[in-house]
Structure formats: structure tokens, C-alpha cells
Protein backbone atom coordinates (compact mmCIF):
# COMPACT_ATOMS: atom_id res chain seq x y z
CA MET A 1 -115.65 -126.91 -1.32
CA LEU A 2 -118.77 -128.33 0.29
CA SER A 3 -116.73 -131.34 1.42
CA LYS A 4 -114.41 -128.98 3.30
CA LEU A 5 -117.08 -127.01 5.15
CA PRO A 6 -118.65 -128.29 8.39
CA GLU A 7 -121.85 -130.18 7.64
CA LYS A 8 -123.76 -128.26 10.31
CA LEU A 9 -122.90 -124.96 8.63
CA ILE A 10 -124.05 -126.27 5.24
CA LYS A 11 -127.41 -127.37 6.63
CA PHE A 12 -127.79 -124.03 8.39
CA ALA A 13 -127.09 -122.16 5.13
CA GLU A 14 -129.70 -124.26 3.32
CA SER A 15 -132.32 -123.31 5.95
CA LEU A 16 -131.85 -119.54 5.64
CA PRO A 17 -134.15 -117.31 3.56
CA TYR A 18 -131.09 -115.45 2.23
CA PRO A 19 -127.76 -116.69 0.82
CA LEU A 20 -124.94 -117.33 3.27
CA TYR A 21 -121.46 -116.93 1.82
CA ALA A 22 -118.05 -118.13 2.95
CA VAL A 23 -115.54 -115.40 2.15
CA GLY A 24 -111.94 -114.39 2.66
CA GLY A 25 -108.92 -116.59 3.24
CA SER A 26 -110.74 -119.93 3.31
CA VAL A 27 -112.25 -119.36 -0.15
CA ARG A 28 -109.02 -117.92 -1.54
CA ASP A 29 -106.96 -120.84 -0.29
CA PHE A 30 -109.45 -123.40 -1.58
CA ILE A 31 -109.37 -121.92 -5.08
CA ALA A 32 -105.56 -121.75 -4.91
CA GLY A 33 -105.40 -125.40 -3.87
CA GLN A 34 -103.91 -124.66 -0.45
CA GLU A 35 -104.86 -126.13 2.89
CA SER A 36 -107.07 -123.91 5.02
CA GLU A 37 -108.84 -124.08 8.38
CA PHE A 38 -112.52 -124.42 7.49
CA SER A 39 -113.44 -124.76 11.17
CA ASP A 40 -112.62 -121.06 11.59
CA THR A 41 -114.47 -119.57 8.65
CA ASP A 42 -115.64 -116.04 7.88
CA VAL A 43 -119.20 -115.93 6.54
CA CYS A 44 -121.46 -113.09 5.42
CA ALA A 45 -124.96 -112.44 4.17
CA PRO A 46 -127.39 -109.64 3.25
CA ALA A 47 -128.96 -109.84 6.72
CA LEU A 48 -128.87 -107.97 10.01
CA THR A 49 -127.15 -109.31 13.12
CA GLU A 50 -130.36 -109.70 15.17
CA ASP A 51 -131.97 -111.92 12.57
CA PHE A 52 -128.85 -113.96 11.91
CA ALA A 53 -128.08 -114.48 15.63
CA LYS A 54 -131.66 -115.60 16.28
CA ARG A 55 -131.55 -118.13 13.46
CA ALA A 56 -128.09 -119.39 14.47
CA LYS A 57 -129.30 -120.10 18.01
CA ALA A 58 -132.38 -121.89 16.68
CA ALA A 59 -130.11 -124.06 14.52
CA GLY A 60 -128.13 -125.18 17.59
CA PHE A 61 -125.14 -122.85 17.35
CA LYS A 62 -123.80 -120.99 20.34
CA VAL A 63 -123.71 -117.23 19.83
CA ASP A 64 -120.53 -116.13 21.56
CA ALA A 65 -120.73 -112.41 20.80
CA GLU A 66 -122.91 -109.99 18.88
CA TYR A 67 -121.80 -106.53 17.73
CA LYS A 68 -124.68 -104.59 16.19
CA ASN A 69 -122.61 -101.51 15.40
CA THR A 70 -120.28 -103.41 13.08
CA GLY A 71 -122.81 -106.03 12.06
CA THR A 72 -120.78 -109.02 13.24
CA VAL A 73 -121.65 -112.17 15.14
CA LYS A 74 -119.20 -114.70 16.56
CA PHE A 75 -120.81 -118.12 16.79
CA SER A 76 -119.59 -121.66 17.31
CA CYS A 77 -120.43 -125.33 17.59
CA GLY A 78 -118.00 -127.34 19.68
CA GLU A 79 -114.48 -126.64 18.43
CA GLU A 80 -115.75 -125.10 15.19
CA SER A 81 -115.95 -121.32 15.31
CA PHE A 82 -117.22 -118.81 12.78
CA GLU A 83 -117.53 -115.06 12.35
CA PHE A 84 -120.51 -113.61 10.53
CA ALA A 85 -120.64 -110.12 9.04
CA CYS A 86 -123.56 -108.31 7.46
CA PHE A 87 -123.03 -107.02 3.93
CA ARG A 88 -121.78 -103.54 4.60
CA SER A 89 -119.79 -100.56 3.42
CA ASP A 90 -117.31 -98.89 5.77
CA GLU A 91 -116.09 -95.33 6.15
CA TYR A 92 -112.64 -94.77 7.62
CA VAL A 93 -110.61 -91.96 9.09
CA ARG A 94 -107.18 -92.16 7.49
CA GLY A 95 -105.06 -94.82 9.14
CA GLU A 96 -107.61 -95.97 11.70
CA HIS A 97 -108.05 -99.74 11.81
CA ARG A 98 -111.71 -99.55 12.83
CA PRO A 99 -114.24 -97.84 10.54
CA VAL A 100 -115.84 -94.69 11.95
CA ARG A 101 -119.15 -95.43 10.22
CA THR A 102 -120.73 -98.59 8.87
CA TYR A 103 -123.55 -98.74 6.33
CA PHE A 104 -125.48 -101.98 5.95
CA THR A 105 -126.44 -103.07 2.47
CA GLU A 106 -127.80 -105.96 0.42
CA ASP A 107 -125.35 -105.29 -2.40
CA ILE A 108 -122.57 -107.89 -2.61
CA ASN A 109 -120.53 -105.55 -4.82
CA ALA A 110 -120.55 -102.87 -2.12
CA ASP A 111 -119.52 -105.48 0.44
CA ALA A 112 -116.66 -106.62 -1.78
CA ARG A 113 -115.44 -103.04 -2.23
CA ARG A 114 -115.03 -102.54 1.52
CA ARG A 115 -112.47 -105.37 1.74
CA ASP A 116 -108.71 -105.10 1.19
CA PHE A 117 -107.54 -107.32 -1.70
CA LYS A 118 -109.48 -108.80 -4.60
CA CYS A 119 -108.23 -112.30 -3.78
CA ASN A 120 -110.00 -111.93 -0.41
CA ALA A 121 -113.22 -110.71 -2.03
CA VAL A 122 -114.31 -113.97 -3.65
CA TYR A 123 -117.50 -115.46 -2.18
CA TYR A 124 -118.79 -119.02 -1.98
CA ASP A 125 -122.57 -119.47 -1.82
CA ILE A 126 -122.76 -122.33 0.67
CA ALA A 127 -126.32 -123.45 -0.06
CA LYS A 128 -125.97 -123.36 -3.85
CA GLY A 129 -122.37 -124.58 -3.92
CA ARG A 130 -121.12 -121.92 -6.32
CA ILE A 131 -118.44 -119.23 -6.47
CA VAL A 132 -119.52 -115.58 -6.73
CA ASP A 133 -116.73 -113.23 -7.87
CA PRO A 134 -117.82 -109.55 -7.99
CA LEU A 135 -114.38 -107.99 -8.55
CA GLY A 136 -112.43 -110.59 -10.52
CA GLY A 137 -110.50 -111.88 -7.56
CA GLY A 138 -110.54 -115.38 -9.03
CA ALA A 139 -108.20 -114.24 -11.82
CA ASP A 140 -105.81 -112.81 -9.23
CA ILE A 141 -105.79 -116.13 -7.38
CA GLU A 142 -105.17 -118.01 -10.62
CA ASN A 143 -102.30 -115.66 -11.51
CA LYS A 144 -100.94 -115.66 -7.93
CA ARG A 145 -101.07 -111.90 -7.59
CA VAL A 146 -102.40 -109.42 -5.05
CA THR A 147 -104.24 -106.30 -6.14
CA THR A 148 -106.45 -104.00 -4.10
CA VAL A 149 -110.25 -103.74 -4.35
CA ALA A 150 -109.95 -100.02 -5.12
CA ALA A 151 -107.08 -97.60 -5.76
CA ALA A 152 -104.15 -98.93 -3.70
CA GLU A 153 -103.39 -95.58 -2.09
CA LYS A 154 -106.99 -95.37 -0.88
CA VAL A 155 -107.11 -98.96 0.42
CA PHE A 156 -103.91 -98.66 2.46
CA GLY A 157 -104.81 -95.14 3.52
CA GLU A 158 -107.98 -96.44 5.16
CA ASP A 159 -106.31 -98.97 7.45
CA GLY A 160 -102.65 -99.15 8.47
CA LEU A 161 -102.96 -102.81 9.45
CA ARG A 162 -103.36 -103.66 5.76
CA LEU A 163 -99.64 -102.91 5.39
CA MET A 164 -98.86 -105.91 7.57
CA ARG A 165 -101.62 -108.00 6.02
CA LEU A 166 -100.16 -107.47 2.54
CA ALA A 167 -96.81 -108.94 3.61
CA ARG A 168 -98.45 -111.75 5.55
CA ILE A 169 -100.90 -112.79 2.79
CA CYS A 170 -98.15 -112.75 0.16
CA ALA A 171 -95.95 -114.84 2.43
CA GLN A 172 -98.70 -117.35 3.25
CA THR A 173 -99.93 -117.76 -0.34
CA GLY A 174 -96.82 -117.27 -2.43
CA PHE A 175 -98.66 -114.52 -4.33
CA SER A 176 -96.86 -111.40 -5.56
CA PRO A 177 -98.20 -107.87 -5.07
CA SER A 178 -98.77 -105.72 -8.13
CA ARG A 179 -96.60 -102.65 -8.63
CA GLU A 180 -99.56 -100.39 -7.83
CA CYS A 181 -100.18 -102.36 -4.66
CA LEU A 182 -96.56 -102.00 -3.50
CA ASP A 183 -96.49 -98.29 -4.36
CA GLY A 184 -99.75 -97.65 -2.53
CA ALA A 185 -98.41 -99.44 0.55
CA ALA A 186 -95.12 -97.52 0.40
CA LYS A 187 -96.91 -94.17 0.19
CA ASN A 188 -98.88 -95.04 3.32
CA ALA A 189 -96.13 -96.82 5.26
CA GLY A 190 -96.24 -94.19 8.01
CA LEU A 191 -99.74 -95.32 8.96
CA ILE A 192 -98.26 -98.42 10.58
CA LYS A 193 -97.55 -96.12 13.53
CA ASP A 194 -101.30 -95.99 14.18
CA VAL A 195 -101.53 -99.77 14.56
CA SER A 196 -101.23 -101.24 18.05
CA PRO A 197 -97.93 -103.01 18.86
CA GLU A 198 -99.83 -106.18 19.73
CA ARG A 199 -101.38 -106.36 16.24
CA ILE A 200 -98.04 -105.71 14.57
CA PHE A 201 -96.38 -108.45 16.63
CA ALA A 202 -99.20 -110.89 15.87
CA GLU A 203 -98.89 -110.29 12.11
CA LEU A 204 -95.10 -110.52 12.30
CA LYS A 205 -95.33 -113.93 13.95
CA LEU A 206 -97.70 -115.10 11.20
CA ILE A 207 -95.21 -113.92 8.57
CA LEU A 208 -92.43 -115.83 10.32
CA SER A 209 -94.50 -119.02 10.25
CA ALA A 210 -95.92 -118.53 6.75
CA ASP A 211 -94.13 -121.59 5.36
CA LYS A 212 -96.52 -123.81 7.33
CA LYS A 213 -99.40 -122.51 5.23
CA CYS A 214 -97.94 -122.33 1.73
CA GLY A 215 -95.21 -124.97 1.96
CA SER A 216 -92.44 -122.72 0.65
CA ALA A 217 -89.35 -122.65 2.87
CA MET A 218 -88.63 -119.05 1.86
CA ALA A 219 -92.14 -117.78 2.64
CA PRO A 220 -91.03 -115.85 5.77
CA TYR A 221 -88.26 -114.21 3.74
CA ALA A 222 -90.74 -113.13 1.06
CA GLY A 223 -92.99 -111.49 3.66
CA LEU A 224 -90.11 -109.73 5.39
CA LYS A 225 -88.83 -108.42 2.04
CA ILE A 226 -92.22 -106.88 1.31
CA LEU A 227 -92.12 -105.16 4.70
CA TYR A 228 -88.72 -103.76 3.78
CA ASP A 229 -89.65 -102.80 0.20
CA THR A 230 -92.71 -100.86 1.39
CA GLY A 231 -90.76 -99.05 4.13
CA VAL A 232 -92.75 -100.68 6.93
CA LEU A 233 -89.77 -102.60 8.33
CA SER A 234 -87.84 -99.35 8.81
CA ILE A 235 -90.66 -98.13 11.06
CA ILE A 236 -91.49 -101.22 13.11
CA LEU A 237 -87.89 -102.54 13.36
CA PRO A 238 -85.63 -99.59 12.52
CA GLU A 239 -82.68 -101.10 14.38
CA LEU A 240 -82.80 -104.09 12.03
CA ALA A 241 -83.45 -102.15 8.82
CA GLU A 242 -80.32 -100.04 9.46
CA GLY A 243 -78.30 -103.09 8.43
CA ALA A 244 -79.30 -102.62 4.77
CA GLY A 245 -76.18 -102.08 2.67
CA MET A 246 -73.88 -102.63 5.67
CA VAL A 247 -71.16 -104.83 4.19
CA GLN A 248 -69.65 -107.68 6.22
CA ASN A 249 -66.37 -109.56 5.94
CA LYS A 250 -66.65 -111.27 2.55
CA LYS A 251 -64.52 -114.16 3.80
CA TYR A 252 -67.43 -115.25 5.99
CA HIS A 253 -70.50 -113.47 4.56
CA LYS A 254 -72.15 -113.27 1.14
CA TYR A 255 -74.72 -110.69 2.25
CA ASP A 256 -75.03 -107.38 4.04
CA VAL A 257 -76.27 -107.33 7.63
CA LEU A 258 -79.97 -106.97 6.81
CA GLU A 259 -80.05 -109.57 4.05
CA HIS A 260 -78.15 -111.99 6.28
CA SER A 261 -80.67 -111.41 9.07
CA LEU A 262 -83.69 -111.97 6.81
CA ARG A 263 -82.17 -115.17 5.47
CA CYS A 264 -81.26 -116.30 8.96
CA ALA A 265 -84.92 -115.98 9.98
CA ALA A 266 -86.04 -117.94 6.92
CA TYR A 267 -83.43 -120.68 7.41
CA ALA A 268 -84.20 -121.09 11.12
CA GLU A 269 -86.61 -123.56 12.66
CA GLU A 270 -89.96 -121.89 13.38
CA SER A 271 -89.58 -121.77 17.18
CA VAL A 272 -86.50 -119.50 16.99
CA ARG A 273 -87.22 -117.35 13.94
CA PHE A 274 -87.79 -114.13 15.83
CA ALA A 275 -84.51 -114.56 17.71
CA ALA A 276 -82.80 -115.49 14.42
CA LEU A 277 -84.21 -112.33 12.81
CA LEU A 278 -82.76 -110.20 15.62
CA HIS A 279 -79.53 -112.13 16.28
CA ASP A 280 -77.34 -109.47 14.60
CA VAL A 281 -79.51 -106.46 15.46
CA GLY A 282 -76.59 -105.05 17.46
CA LYS A 283 -74.29 -104.84 14.43
CA PRO A 284 -75.63 -101.57 12.96
CA TYR A 285 -75.43 -99.94 16.41
CA CYS A 286 -71.86 -101.12 17.02
CA PHE A 287 -70.65 -100.19 13.55
CA LYS A 288 -72.16 -96.70 13.65
CA ASN A 289 -70.90 -95.98 17.16
CA PHE A 290 -67.57 -97.84 17.28
CA GLY A 291 -66.69 -98.61 13.67
CA ILE A 292 -66.59 -102.38 14.32
CA PHE A 293 -69.02 -105.23 14.94
CA THR A 294 -67.28 -106.45 18.07
CA GLY A 295 -69.66 -106.60 21.02
CA HIS A 296 -72.76 -106.76 18.83
CA ASP A 297 -74.04 -109.79 20.73
CA ALA A 298 -74.26 -107.87 24.04
CA GLU A 299 -75.63 -104.73 22.40
CA GLY A 300 -77.98 -106.87 20.34
CA ALA A 301 -79.41 -108.46 23.49
CA ARG A 302 -80.13 -105.01 24.90
CA ILE A 303 -81.75 -103.85 21.65
CA ALA A 304 -83.73 -107.10 21.28
CA GLU A 305 -85.18 -106.54 24.74
CA ASP A 306 -86.20 -103.00 23.77
CA ILE A 307 -87.86 -104.31 20.61
CA CYS A 308 -89.76 -107.05 22.43
CA LYS A 309 -91.02 -104.61 25.03
CA ARG A 310 -92.01 -102.14 22.32
CA LEU A 311 -94.02 -104.85 20.54
CA LYS A 312 -95.58 -105.98 23.83
CA ALA A 313 -94.20 -109.49 23.39
CA PRO A 314 -94.87 -111.96 26.24
CA LYS A 315 -92.35 -111.85 29.09
CA LYS A 316 -91.11 -115.43 28.71
CA PHE A 317 -90.75 -115.01 24.94
CA THR A 318 -88.79 -111.80 25.51
CA GLU A 319 -86.43 -113.38 28.03
CA GLU A 320 -85.72 -116.30 25.72
CA THR A 321 -85.16 -114.06 22.69
CA VAL A 322 -82.76 -111.82 24.61
CA LYS A 323 -80.79 -114.80 25.88
CA LEU A 324 -80.49 -116.38 22.44
CA VAL A 325 -79.26 -113.11 20.92
CA ALA A 326 -76.76 -112.63 23.75
CA LEU A 327 -75.29 -116.13 23.41
CA HIS A 328 -75.36 -116.78 19.66
CA MET A 329 -71.66 -115.87 19.22
CA TYR A 330 -70.28 -118.13 21.97
CA ASP A 331 -67.39 -120.30 20.70
CA LEU A 332 -68.00 -119.32 17.09
CA ARG A 333 -64.28 -119.81 16.37
CA LEU A 334 -64.17 -123.13 18.23
CA ASP A 335 -61.42 -121.98 20.59
CA ALA A 336 -63.25 -122.61 23.88
CA LYS A 337 -61.75 -125.46 25.94
CA GLU A 338 -63.98 -128.48 26.55
CA ASN A 339 -64.45 -127.73 30.25
CA LYS A 340 -65.61 -124.20 29.42
CA VAL A 341 -68.10 -125.58 26.92
CA ARG A 342 -69.31 -128.11 29.51
CA LYS A 343 -69.90 -125.31 32.01
CA PHE A 344 -71.66 -123.25 29.34
CA ILE A 345 -73.94 -126.16 28.46
CA LEU A 346 -74.75 -126.69 32.14
CA GLU A 347 -75.62 -123.03 32.61
CA ASN A 348 -77.75 -122.84 29.46
CA VAL A 349 -79.15 -126.34 29.06
CA ASP A 350 -82.71 -124.93 29.24
CA ILE A 351 -82.28 -123.20 25.88
CA LEU A 352 -79.41 -125.22 24.41
CA ASP A 353 -81.50 -126.86 21.68
CA LYS A 354 -82.88 -123.50 20.55
CA LEU A 355 -79.46 -121.85 20.75
CA LEU A 356 -78.01 -124.50 18.44
CA LEU A 357 -80.89 -123.87 16.02
CA VAL A 358 -80.00 -120.16 15.96
CA LYS A 359 -76.30 -120.97 15.52
CA GLN A 360 -77.11 -123.28 12.62
CA ALA A 361 -79.33 -120.70 10.92
CA ASP A 362 -76.64 -118.04 11.40
CA TYR A 363 -74.03 -120.32 9.81
CA SER A 364 -76.27 -121.26 6.88
CA ALA A 365 -77.31 -117.66 6.23
CA SER A 366 -73.71 -116.48 6.04
CA THR A 367 -72.83 -118.27 2.78
CA ASP A 368 -75.93 -120.41 2.08
CA ASP A 369 -74.07 -123.43 3.45
CA PHE A 370 -76.61 -125.89 4.88
CA SER A 371 -74.13 -128.42 6.21
CA THR A 372 -73.94 -128.79 10.00
CA ALA A 373 -72.24 -125.75 11.54
CA PRO A 374 -68.87 -126.68 13.14
CA SER A 375 -69.85 -125.10 16.47
CA VAL A 376 -73.15 -126.99 16.46
CA LYS A 377 -71.32 -130.24 15.77
CA LYS A 378 -68.91 -129.56 18.66
CA PHE A 379 -71.65 -128.68 21.13
CA LYS A 380 -73.82 -131.66 20.21
CA LYS A 381 -70.87 -134.03 20.66
CA ILE A 382 -69.96 -132.69 24.09
CA TYR A 383 -73.59 -132.58 25.21
CA ALA A 384 -74.09 -136.20 24.13
CA GLU A 385 -70.98 -137.22 26.09
CA MET A 386 -72.22 -135.42 29.20
CA ARG A 387 -75.55 -137.19 29.00
CA ALA A 388 -73.86 -140.56 28.50
CA GLU A 389 -71.74 -139.88 31.58
CA GLY A 390 -74.86 -139.25 33.65
CA VAL A 391 -73.96 -135.62 34.31
CA PRO A 392 -76.75 -133.90 36.31
CA PHE A 393 -78.08 -130.77 34.62
CA SER A 394 -80.09 -129.49 37.56
CA LEU A 395 -79.93 -129.50 41.36
CA LYS A 396 -82.88 -131.86 41.29
CA GLN A 397 -80.73 -134.44 39.48
CA LEU A 398 -77.81 -134.06 41.89
CA ALA A 399 -77.27 -137.11 44.14
CA VAL A 400 -77.07 -134.93 47.29
CA LYS A 401 -79.64 -132.49 48.62
CA GLY A 402 -79.68 -129.47 50.90
CA GLY A 403 -80.29 -131.64 53.97
CA ASP A 404 -77.10 -133.60 53.27
CA MET A 405 -75.13 -130.38 53.25
CA LEU A 406 -76.62 -129.26 56.55
CA GLU A 407 -75.73 -132.63 58.12
CA ILE A 408 -72.03 -132.23 57.31
CA GLY A 409 -71.97 -128.69 58.72
CA VAL A 410 -72.53 -126.40 55.72
CA PRO A 411 -74.30 -123.23 56.99
CA ALA A 412 -77.84 -122.86 55.60
CA ALA A 413 -76.88 -119.59 53.87
CA ASN A 414 -74.16 -121.42 51.89
CA VAL A 415 -76.03 -124.60 50.94
CA GLY A 416 -77.21 -123.30 47.55
CA ASP A 417 -73.75 -122.15 46.48
CA VAL A 418 -72.12 -125.43 47.54
CA LEU A 419 -74.69 -127.50 45.63
CA LYS A 420 -74.18 -125.36 42.50
CA SER A 421 -70.41 -125.85 42.80
CA LEU A 422 -70.88 -129.62 43.08
CA LEU A 423 -73.12 -129.55 40.01
CA GLU A 424 -70.38 -127.78 38.07
CA ASP A 425 -67.77 -130.27 39.34
CA CYS A 426 -69.90 -133.11 37.93
CA ALA A 427 -70.14 -131.34 34.59
CA VAL A 428 -66.36 -131.04 34.22
CA LYS A 429 -65.71 -134.60 35.42
CA VAL A 430 -64.05 -133.61 38.72
CA VAL A 431 -66.41 -135.87 40.65
CA ALA A 432 -69.06 -138.46 39.78
CA ASN A 433 -72.70 -137.85 40.61
CA GLU A 434 -72.66 -140.31 43.51
CA LYS A 435 -73.71 -139.38 47.03
CA GLN A 436 -70.59 -140.46 48.93
CA ALA A 437 -68.25 -138.97 46.34
CA LEU A 438 -70.13 -135.67 46.43
CA LEU A 439 -70.14 -135.58 50.24
CA ARG A 440 -66.38 -136.11 50.32
CA ARG A 441 -65.91 -133.41 47.71
CA ALA A 442 -68.09 -131.02 49.72
CA LYS A 443 -66.16 -131.75 52.91
CA LYS A 444 -62.69 -131.46 51.37
CA VAL A 445 -63.19 -128.45 49.11
CA TYR A 446 -66.17 -126.41 50.24
CA LEU A 447 -66.69 -127.08 53.93
CA SER A 448 -63.24 -125.71 54.78
CA ALA A 449 -64.17 -122.45 53.05
CA VAL A 450 -67.67 -121.90 54.41
CA ASN A 451 -67.38 -123.49 57.89
CA PRO A 452 -63.76 -123.97 59.09
CA GLU A 453 -64.88 -125.22 62.52
CA ALA A 454 -66.99 -128.00 61.05
CA TYR A 455 -64.18 -128.85 58.64
CA ALA A 456 -61.69 -129.21 61.54
CA ALA A 457 -64.06 -131.63 63.24
CA CYS A 458 -64.19 -133.94 60.21
CA ALA A 459 -60.61 -133.45 58.99
CA LYS A 460 -59.36 -136.44 60.98
CA GLN A 461 -62.13 -138.62 59.50
CA LEU A 462 -61.25 -137.47 55.97
CA ALA A 463 -57.56 -138.19 56.60
CA GLU A 464 -58.38 -141.67 57.83
CA GLU A 465 -60.62 -142.30 54.81
CA ASP A 466 -57.90 -141.07 52.45
CA ALA A 467 -55.33 -143.29 54.18
CA ALA A 468 -57.66 -146.28 53.91
CA ILE A 469 -58.23 -145.63 50.21
CA LYS A 470 -54.49 -145.30 49.65
CA ALA A 471 -53.79 -148.54 51.51
CA ALA A 472 -56.48 -150.39 49.54
CA LYS A 473 -54.98 -149.23 46.24
CA ALA A 474 -51.51 -150.32 47.37
CA ALA A 475 -52.78 -153.75 48.40
CA ALA A 476 -54.50 -154.17 45.04
CA ARG A 477 -51.27 -153.35 43.21
CA GLU A 478 -49.29 -155.87 45.29
CA GLU A 479 -51.89 -158.56 44.57
CA GLU A 480 -51.66 -157.86 40.83
CA GLU A 481 -47.85 -158.11 40.97
């Protein structure tokens, strides 16, 4: 493990008059043979913050923050950051994430007992290069299991955030919680209500990206299942959990609404997993209120927005999630005409790639079919053709600008609408993205509608141009004959 730790930290540990231990996820993952970020390591020692901070500064580290009440010090060196904690024992009020009282100690056993899971309570003496295992967490790591450092009901009763951490750690490591651990979490599931929405959302995102850490494609699914099995999912995402046992058309679906949704999240590419998780969140609402699933995409978009706001998700993330949920059903039966699909692609090109990822995950999660979804194949083909044709996908790419419209007599108030109409005409192959062709199209089709007087002034010119084009075509035919 010494080869994994920053050399500066090792030298610092060797200079201290007390042992400095790495602890937590980095040690657990090293023992389990998993990759871990050793540049963001938790360390601890039987020392007080004032002494540790003073020695860290003298060793060339930057002390970024010092919290004497909790006995923690955040310190760094360049891009490498660390968090130090004094050996301590904590006292909690039921459900509160932060301890109400902290007692400093020199007893490593007491420090281990204040943690959550035994697999996170294995220490590595950095200076001596040896593992210290007060509670037998090494055996848990070897057996890929998660047990609590004390009675499970007590551990989860102390801190509601541990409910999310259980699901996340199991997802990221591939470990399985013991029966006592699951039961203790289930009995305290209600304490998740005391955890801030931001912390819940942060842990949920880590669960949805857990495969990056453990390498198992189904890691997000495993974490989500633990949330459901402990009753936590029904509290943080009740609209989703209501899909449990809700049977779907067996011709198209192997699973109930909830199971399909969990699998959809697991099968999706990481960037769209939250949207994939919520893509059918409108189904339980529609079925309970109308007896059918029809319209679940629109209702789902509304519910997804409520969920994102409740979890304090970023605005841009929320907008994207809502849009993906709203559009995931478009042309599912492949009955949309090509021009309609072209217009749809034009309108949604900013999220098209992500929408196709959601569509693919939805298709795969329906029957565990991982071949390319028919709708995805259709959309990719049409999109490729549009790009090959040089179709503009934004006003910036259009061969005419606002000034060109003003020059031909389009009122300033109508310029934007005319340009958007021209953009759509290019998408459906009515006109090529060429300046003169677009100007003629604007004059013939749009100018007459928005500025009849200006159109009358150029009508003669258009007629003469049309006559000249007609004559040129006729001459070319005669020459060929």
C-alpha cells in the first residue's frame, strides 16, 4: 500500500511522534484489490487538531480548514488532498448526521467503534507499513460482506445518512450486507427524512455511477435494490417505488414497472442514468388515476421535475432530465413519417444523443434485449443523412442571417420566426442551405405573409427570375434532344 500513497504523506507520517493511519474506503479498497483514489485519503491519529495542523504546516502541507470541535483538519499539497480526524468517540441524537458531542481518545478501538461498517474500520499504519484491524473488518472485506461496527439498529439509528451509504458502499464494492445489517437499516428507514436533500442526491448519483468503481455493470442496480429492500426508496422516491408489482404488457415487458426502471438505469450509459431511472415514473400515477399507462411520458416529465426540485438538483440537470423523460416515447412504434422525425431531430438536436441512450436502455430493459433498438436505428440513420446533406441544426449554421431578412423587407419583429421556418425547410429538404435559395424561399413564402407591401415590390423580380429559370431549363432540354 505504501506504493499507492503519496510519498510526501509517507515521509510526514514517519516524522510524527505518534502513528498516522490511513482509514476508510482507501484501505478497504486496497485490501479488496479495487482501484481507489489515494490522493483524497482519510487519515487519523491519537493527536489533537492543533498539534497535527502545526506539524502539517511545518512539513510543507497547506492547512485548508481546521475544526477543533470535531477534531478534523483538511490539508493538501498541490492536487492531493487529505482529511485528518483525531481518534474520537461520538454521541448522537437519533437520526442526526452530526454528532452532538465528541470525546477525544487515544484508543483505536474506541475510534473504530464510532464508524459505520467494519469494512471501513480497518487502519493502515503509514510509517510502519502494516494493517491494524481492531474489529475484524479484514474478514468482512475478504468475504465481501458488510456488517456494522455495533448493533445494526444502533448504528443506523445514530445517523440517517448511513442508510444511503450502505447502498452506495455495497454498489461500489460488490459486497453484500448481512441480514442484521439490512434489518437494522429497514427499522430505521424513516430517519432518511432527517438527511438533507442535497446529501441524498449526492449519494444517489454515486450509486448510479458505482460501476466505475467496482467494474460490475449491474452495480447501480444492486445499490438501488438495497434502497428498495430497506424501504428507503419508498421515502426518497415514492413515485418510483409505487411501480413495484405493477404488471406491464407481457408482450413487450418481462418486468413490473419498478424492476424495469431499475434495470433501465443500470443498462443506461452513465450520463443519462437518472433520467433512465425516472423515464417511466409517470406510469404508477397514470395507472392509479386513469387505469392505463397512456400519457405517462407527459405526467412523468411533471413528476420528474418535482423530484429534481425536491432533491435540489442543479437547474440544467433538472431541465435535461425532464426533457428526456418527456420525449422518451416519441416514435416508439416507428410510425412517424420521415419529415416529422427530421423536424423532431432539429428541435431536439441538443439532447438527441442522450435521448437515444435513454431509448436504448428502455428497449433493453423491457426484455433484456441488448441489440440496437429499432427506433434508435431509425433515428441514427435519418440523423446521419441530414448531416451528410449539410442540413443546418442551428440559426448560426443557416446561410442567411437577420440582416439579410431585413434587406428583403421582413419586419424586425418577424425576422426570428422567418429564420426558424427556413431552418425547418432545410431539415425537410424543401430548400438547400444556400444563401440565394433561402432568400428566394423567404421572398416567395414568408415575405408575402409578414410584409405584403414589400412582397408586391419584389413580385415582378421573382416572376422574372422564375421565367428565366424556366427558359434555361427548356433550352437545356432542347440541347439534350
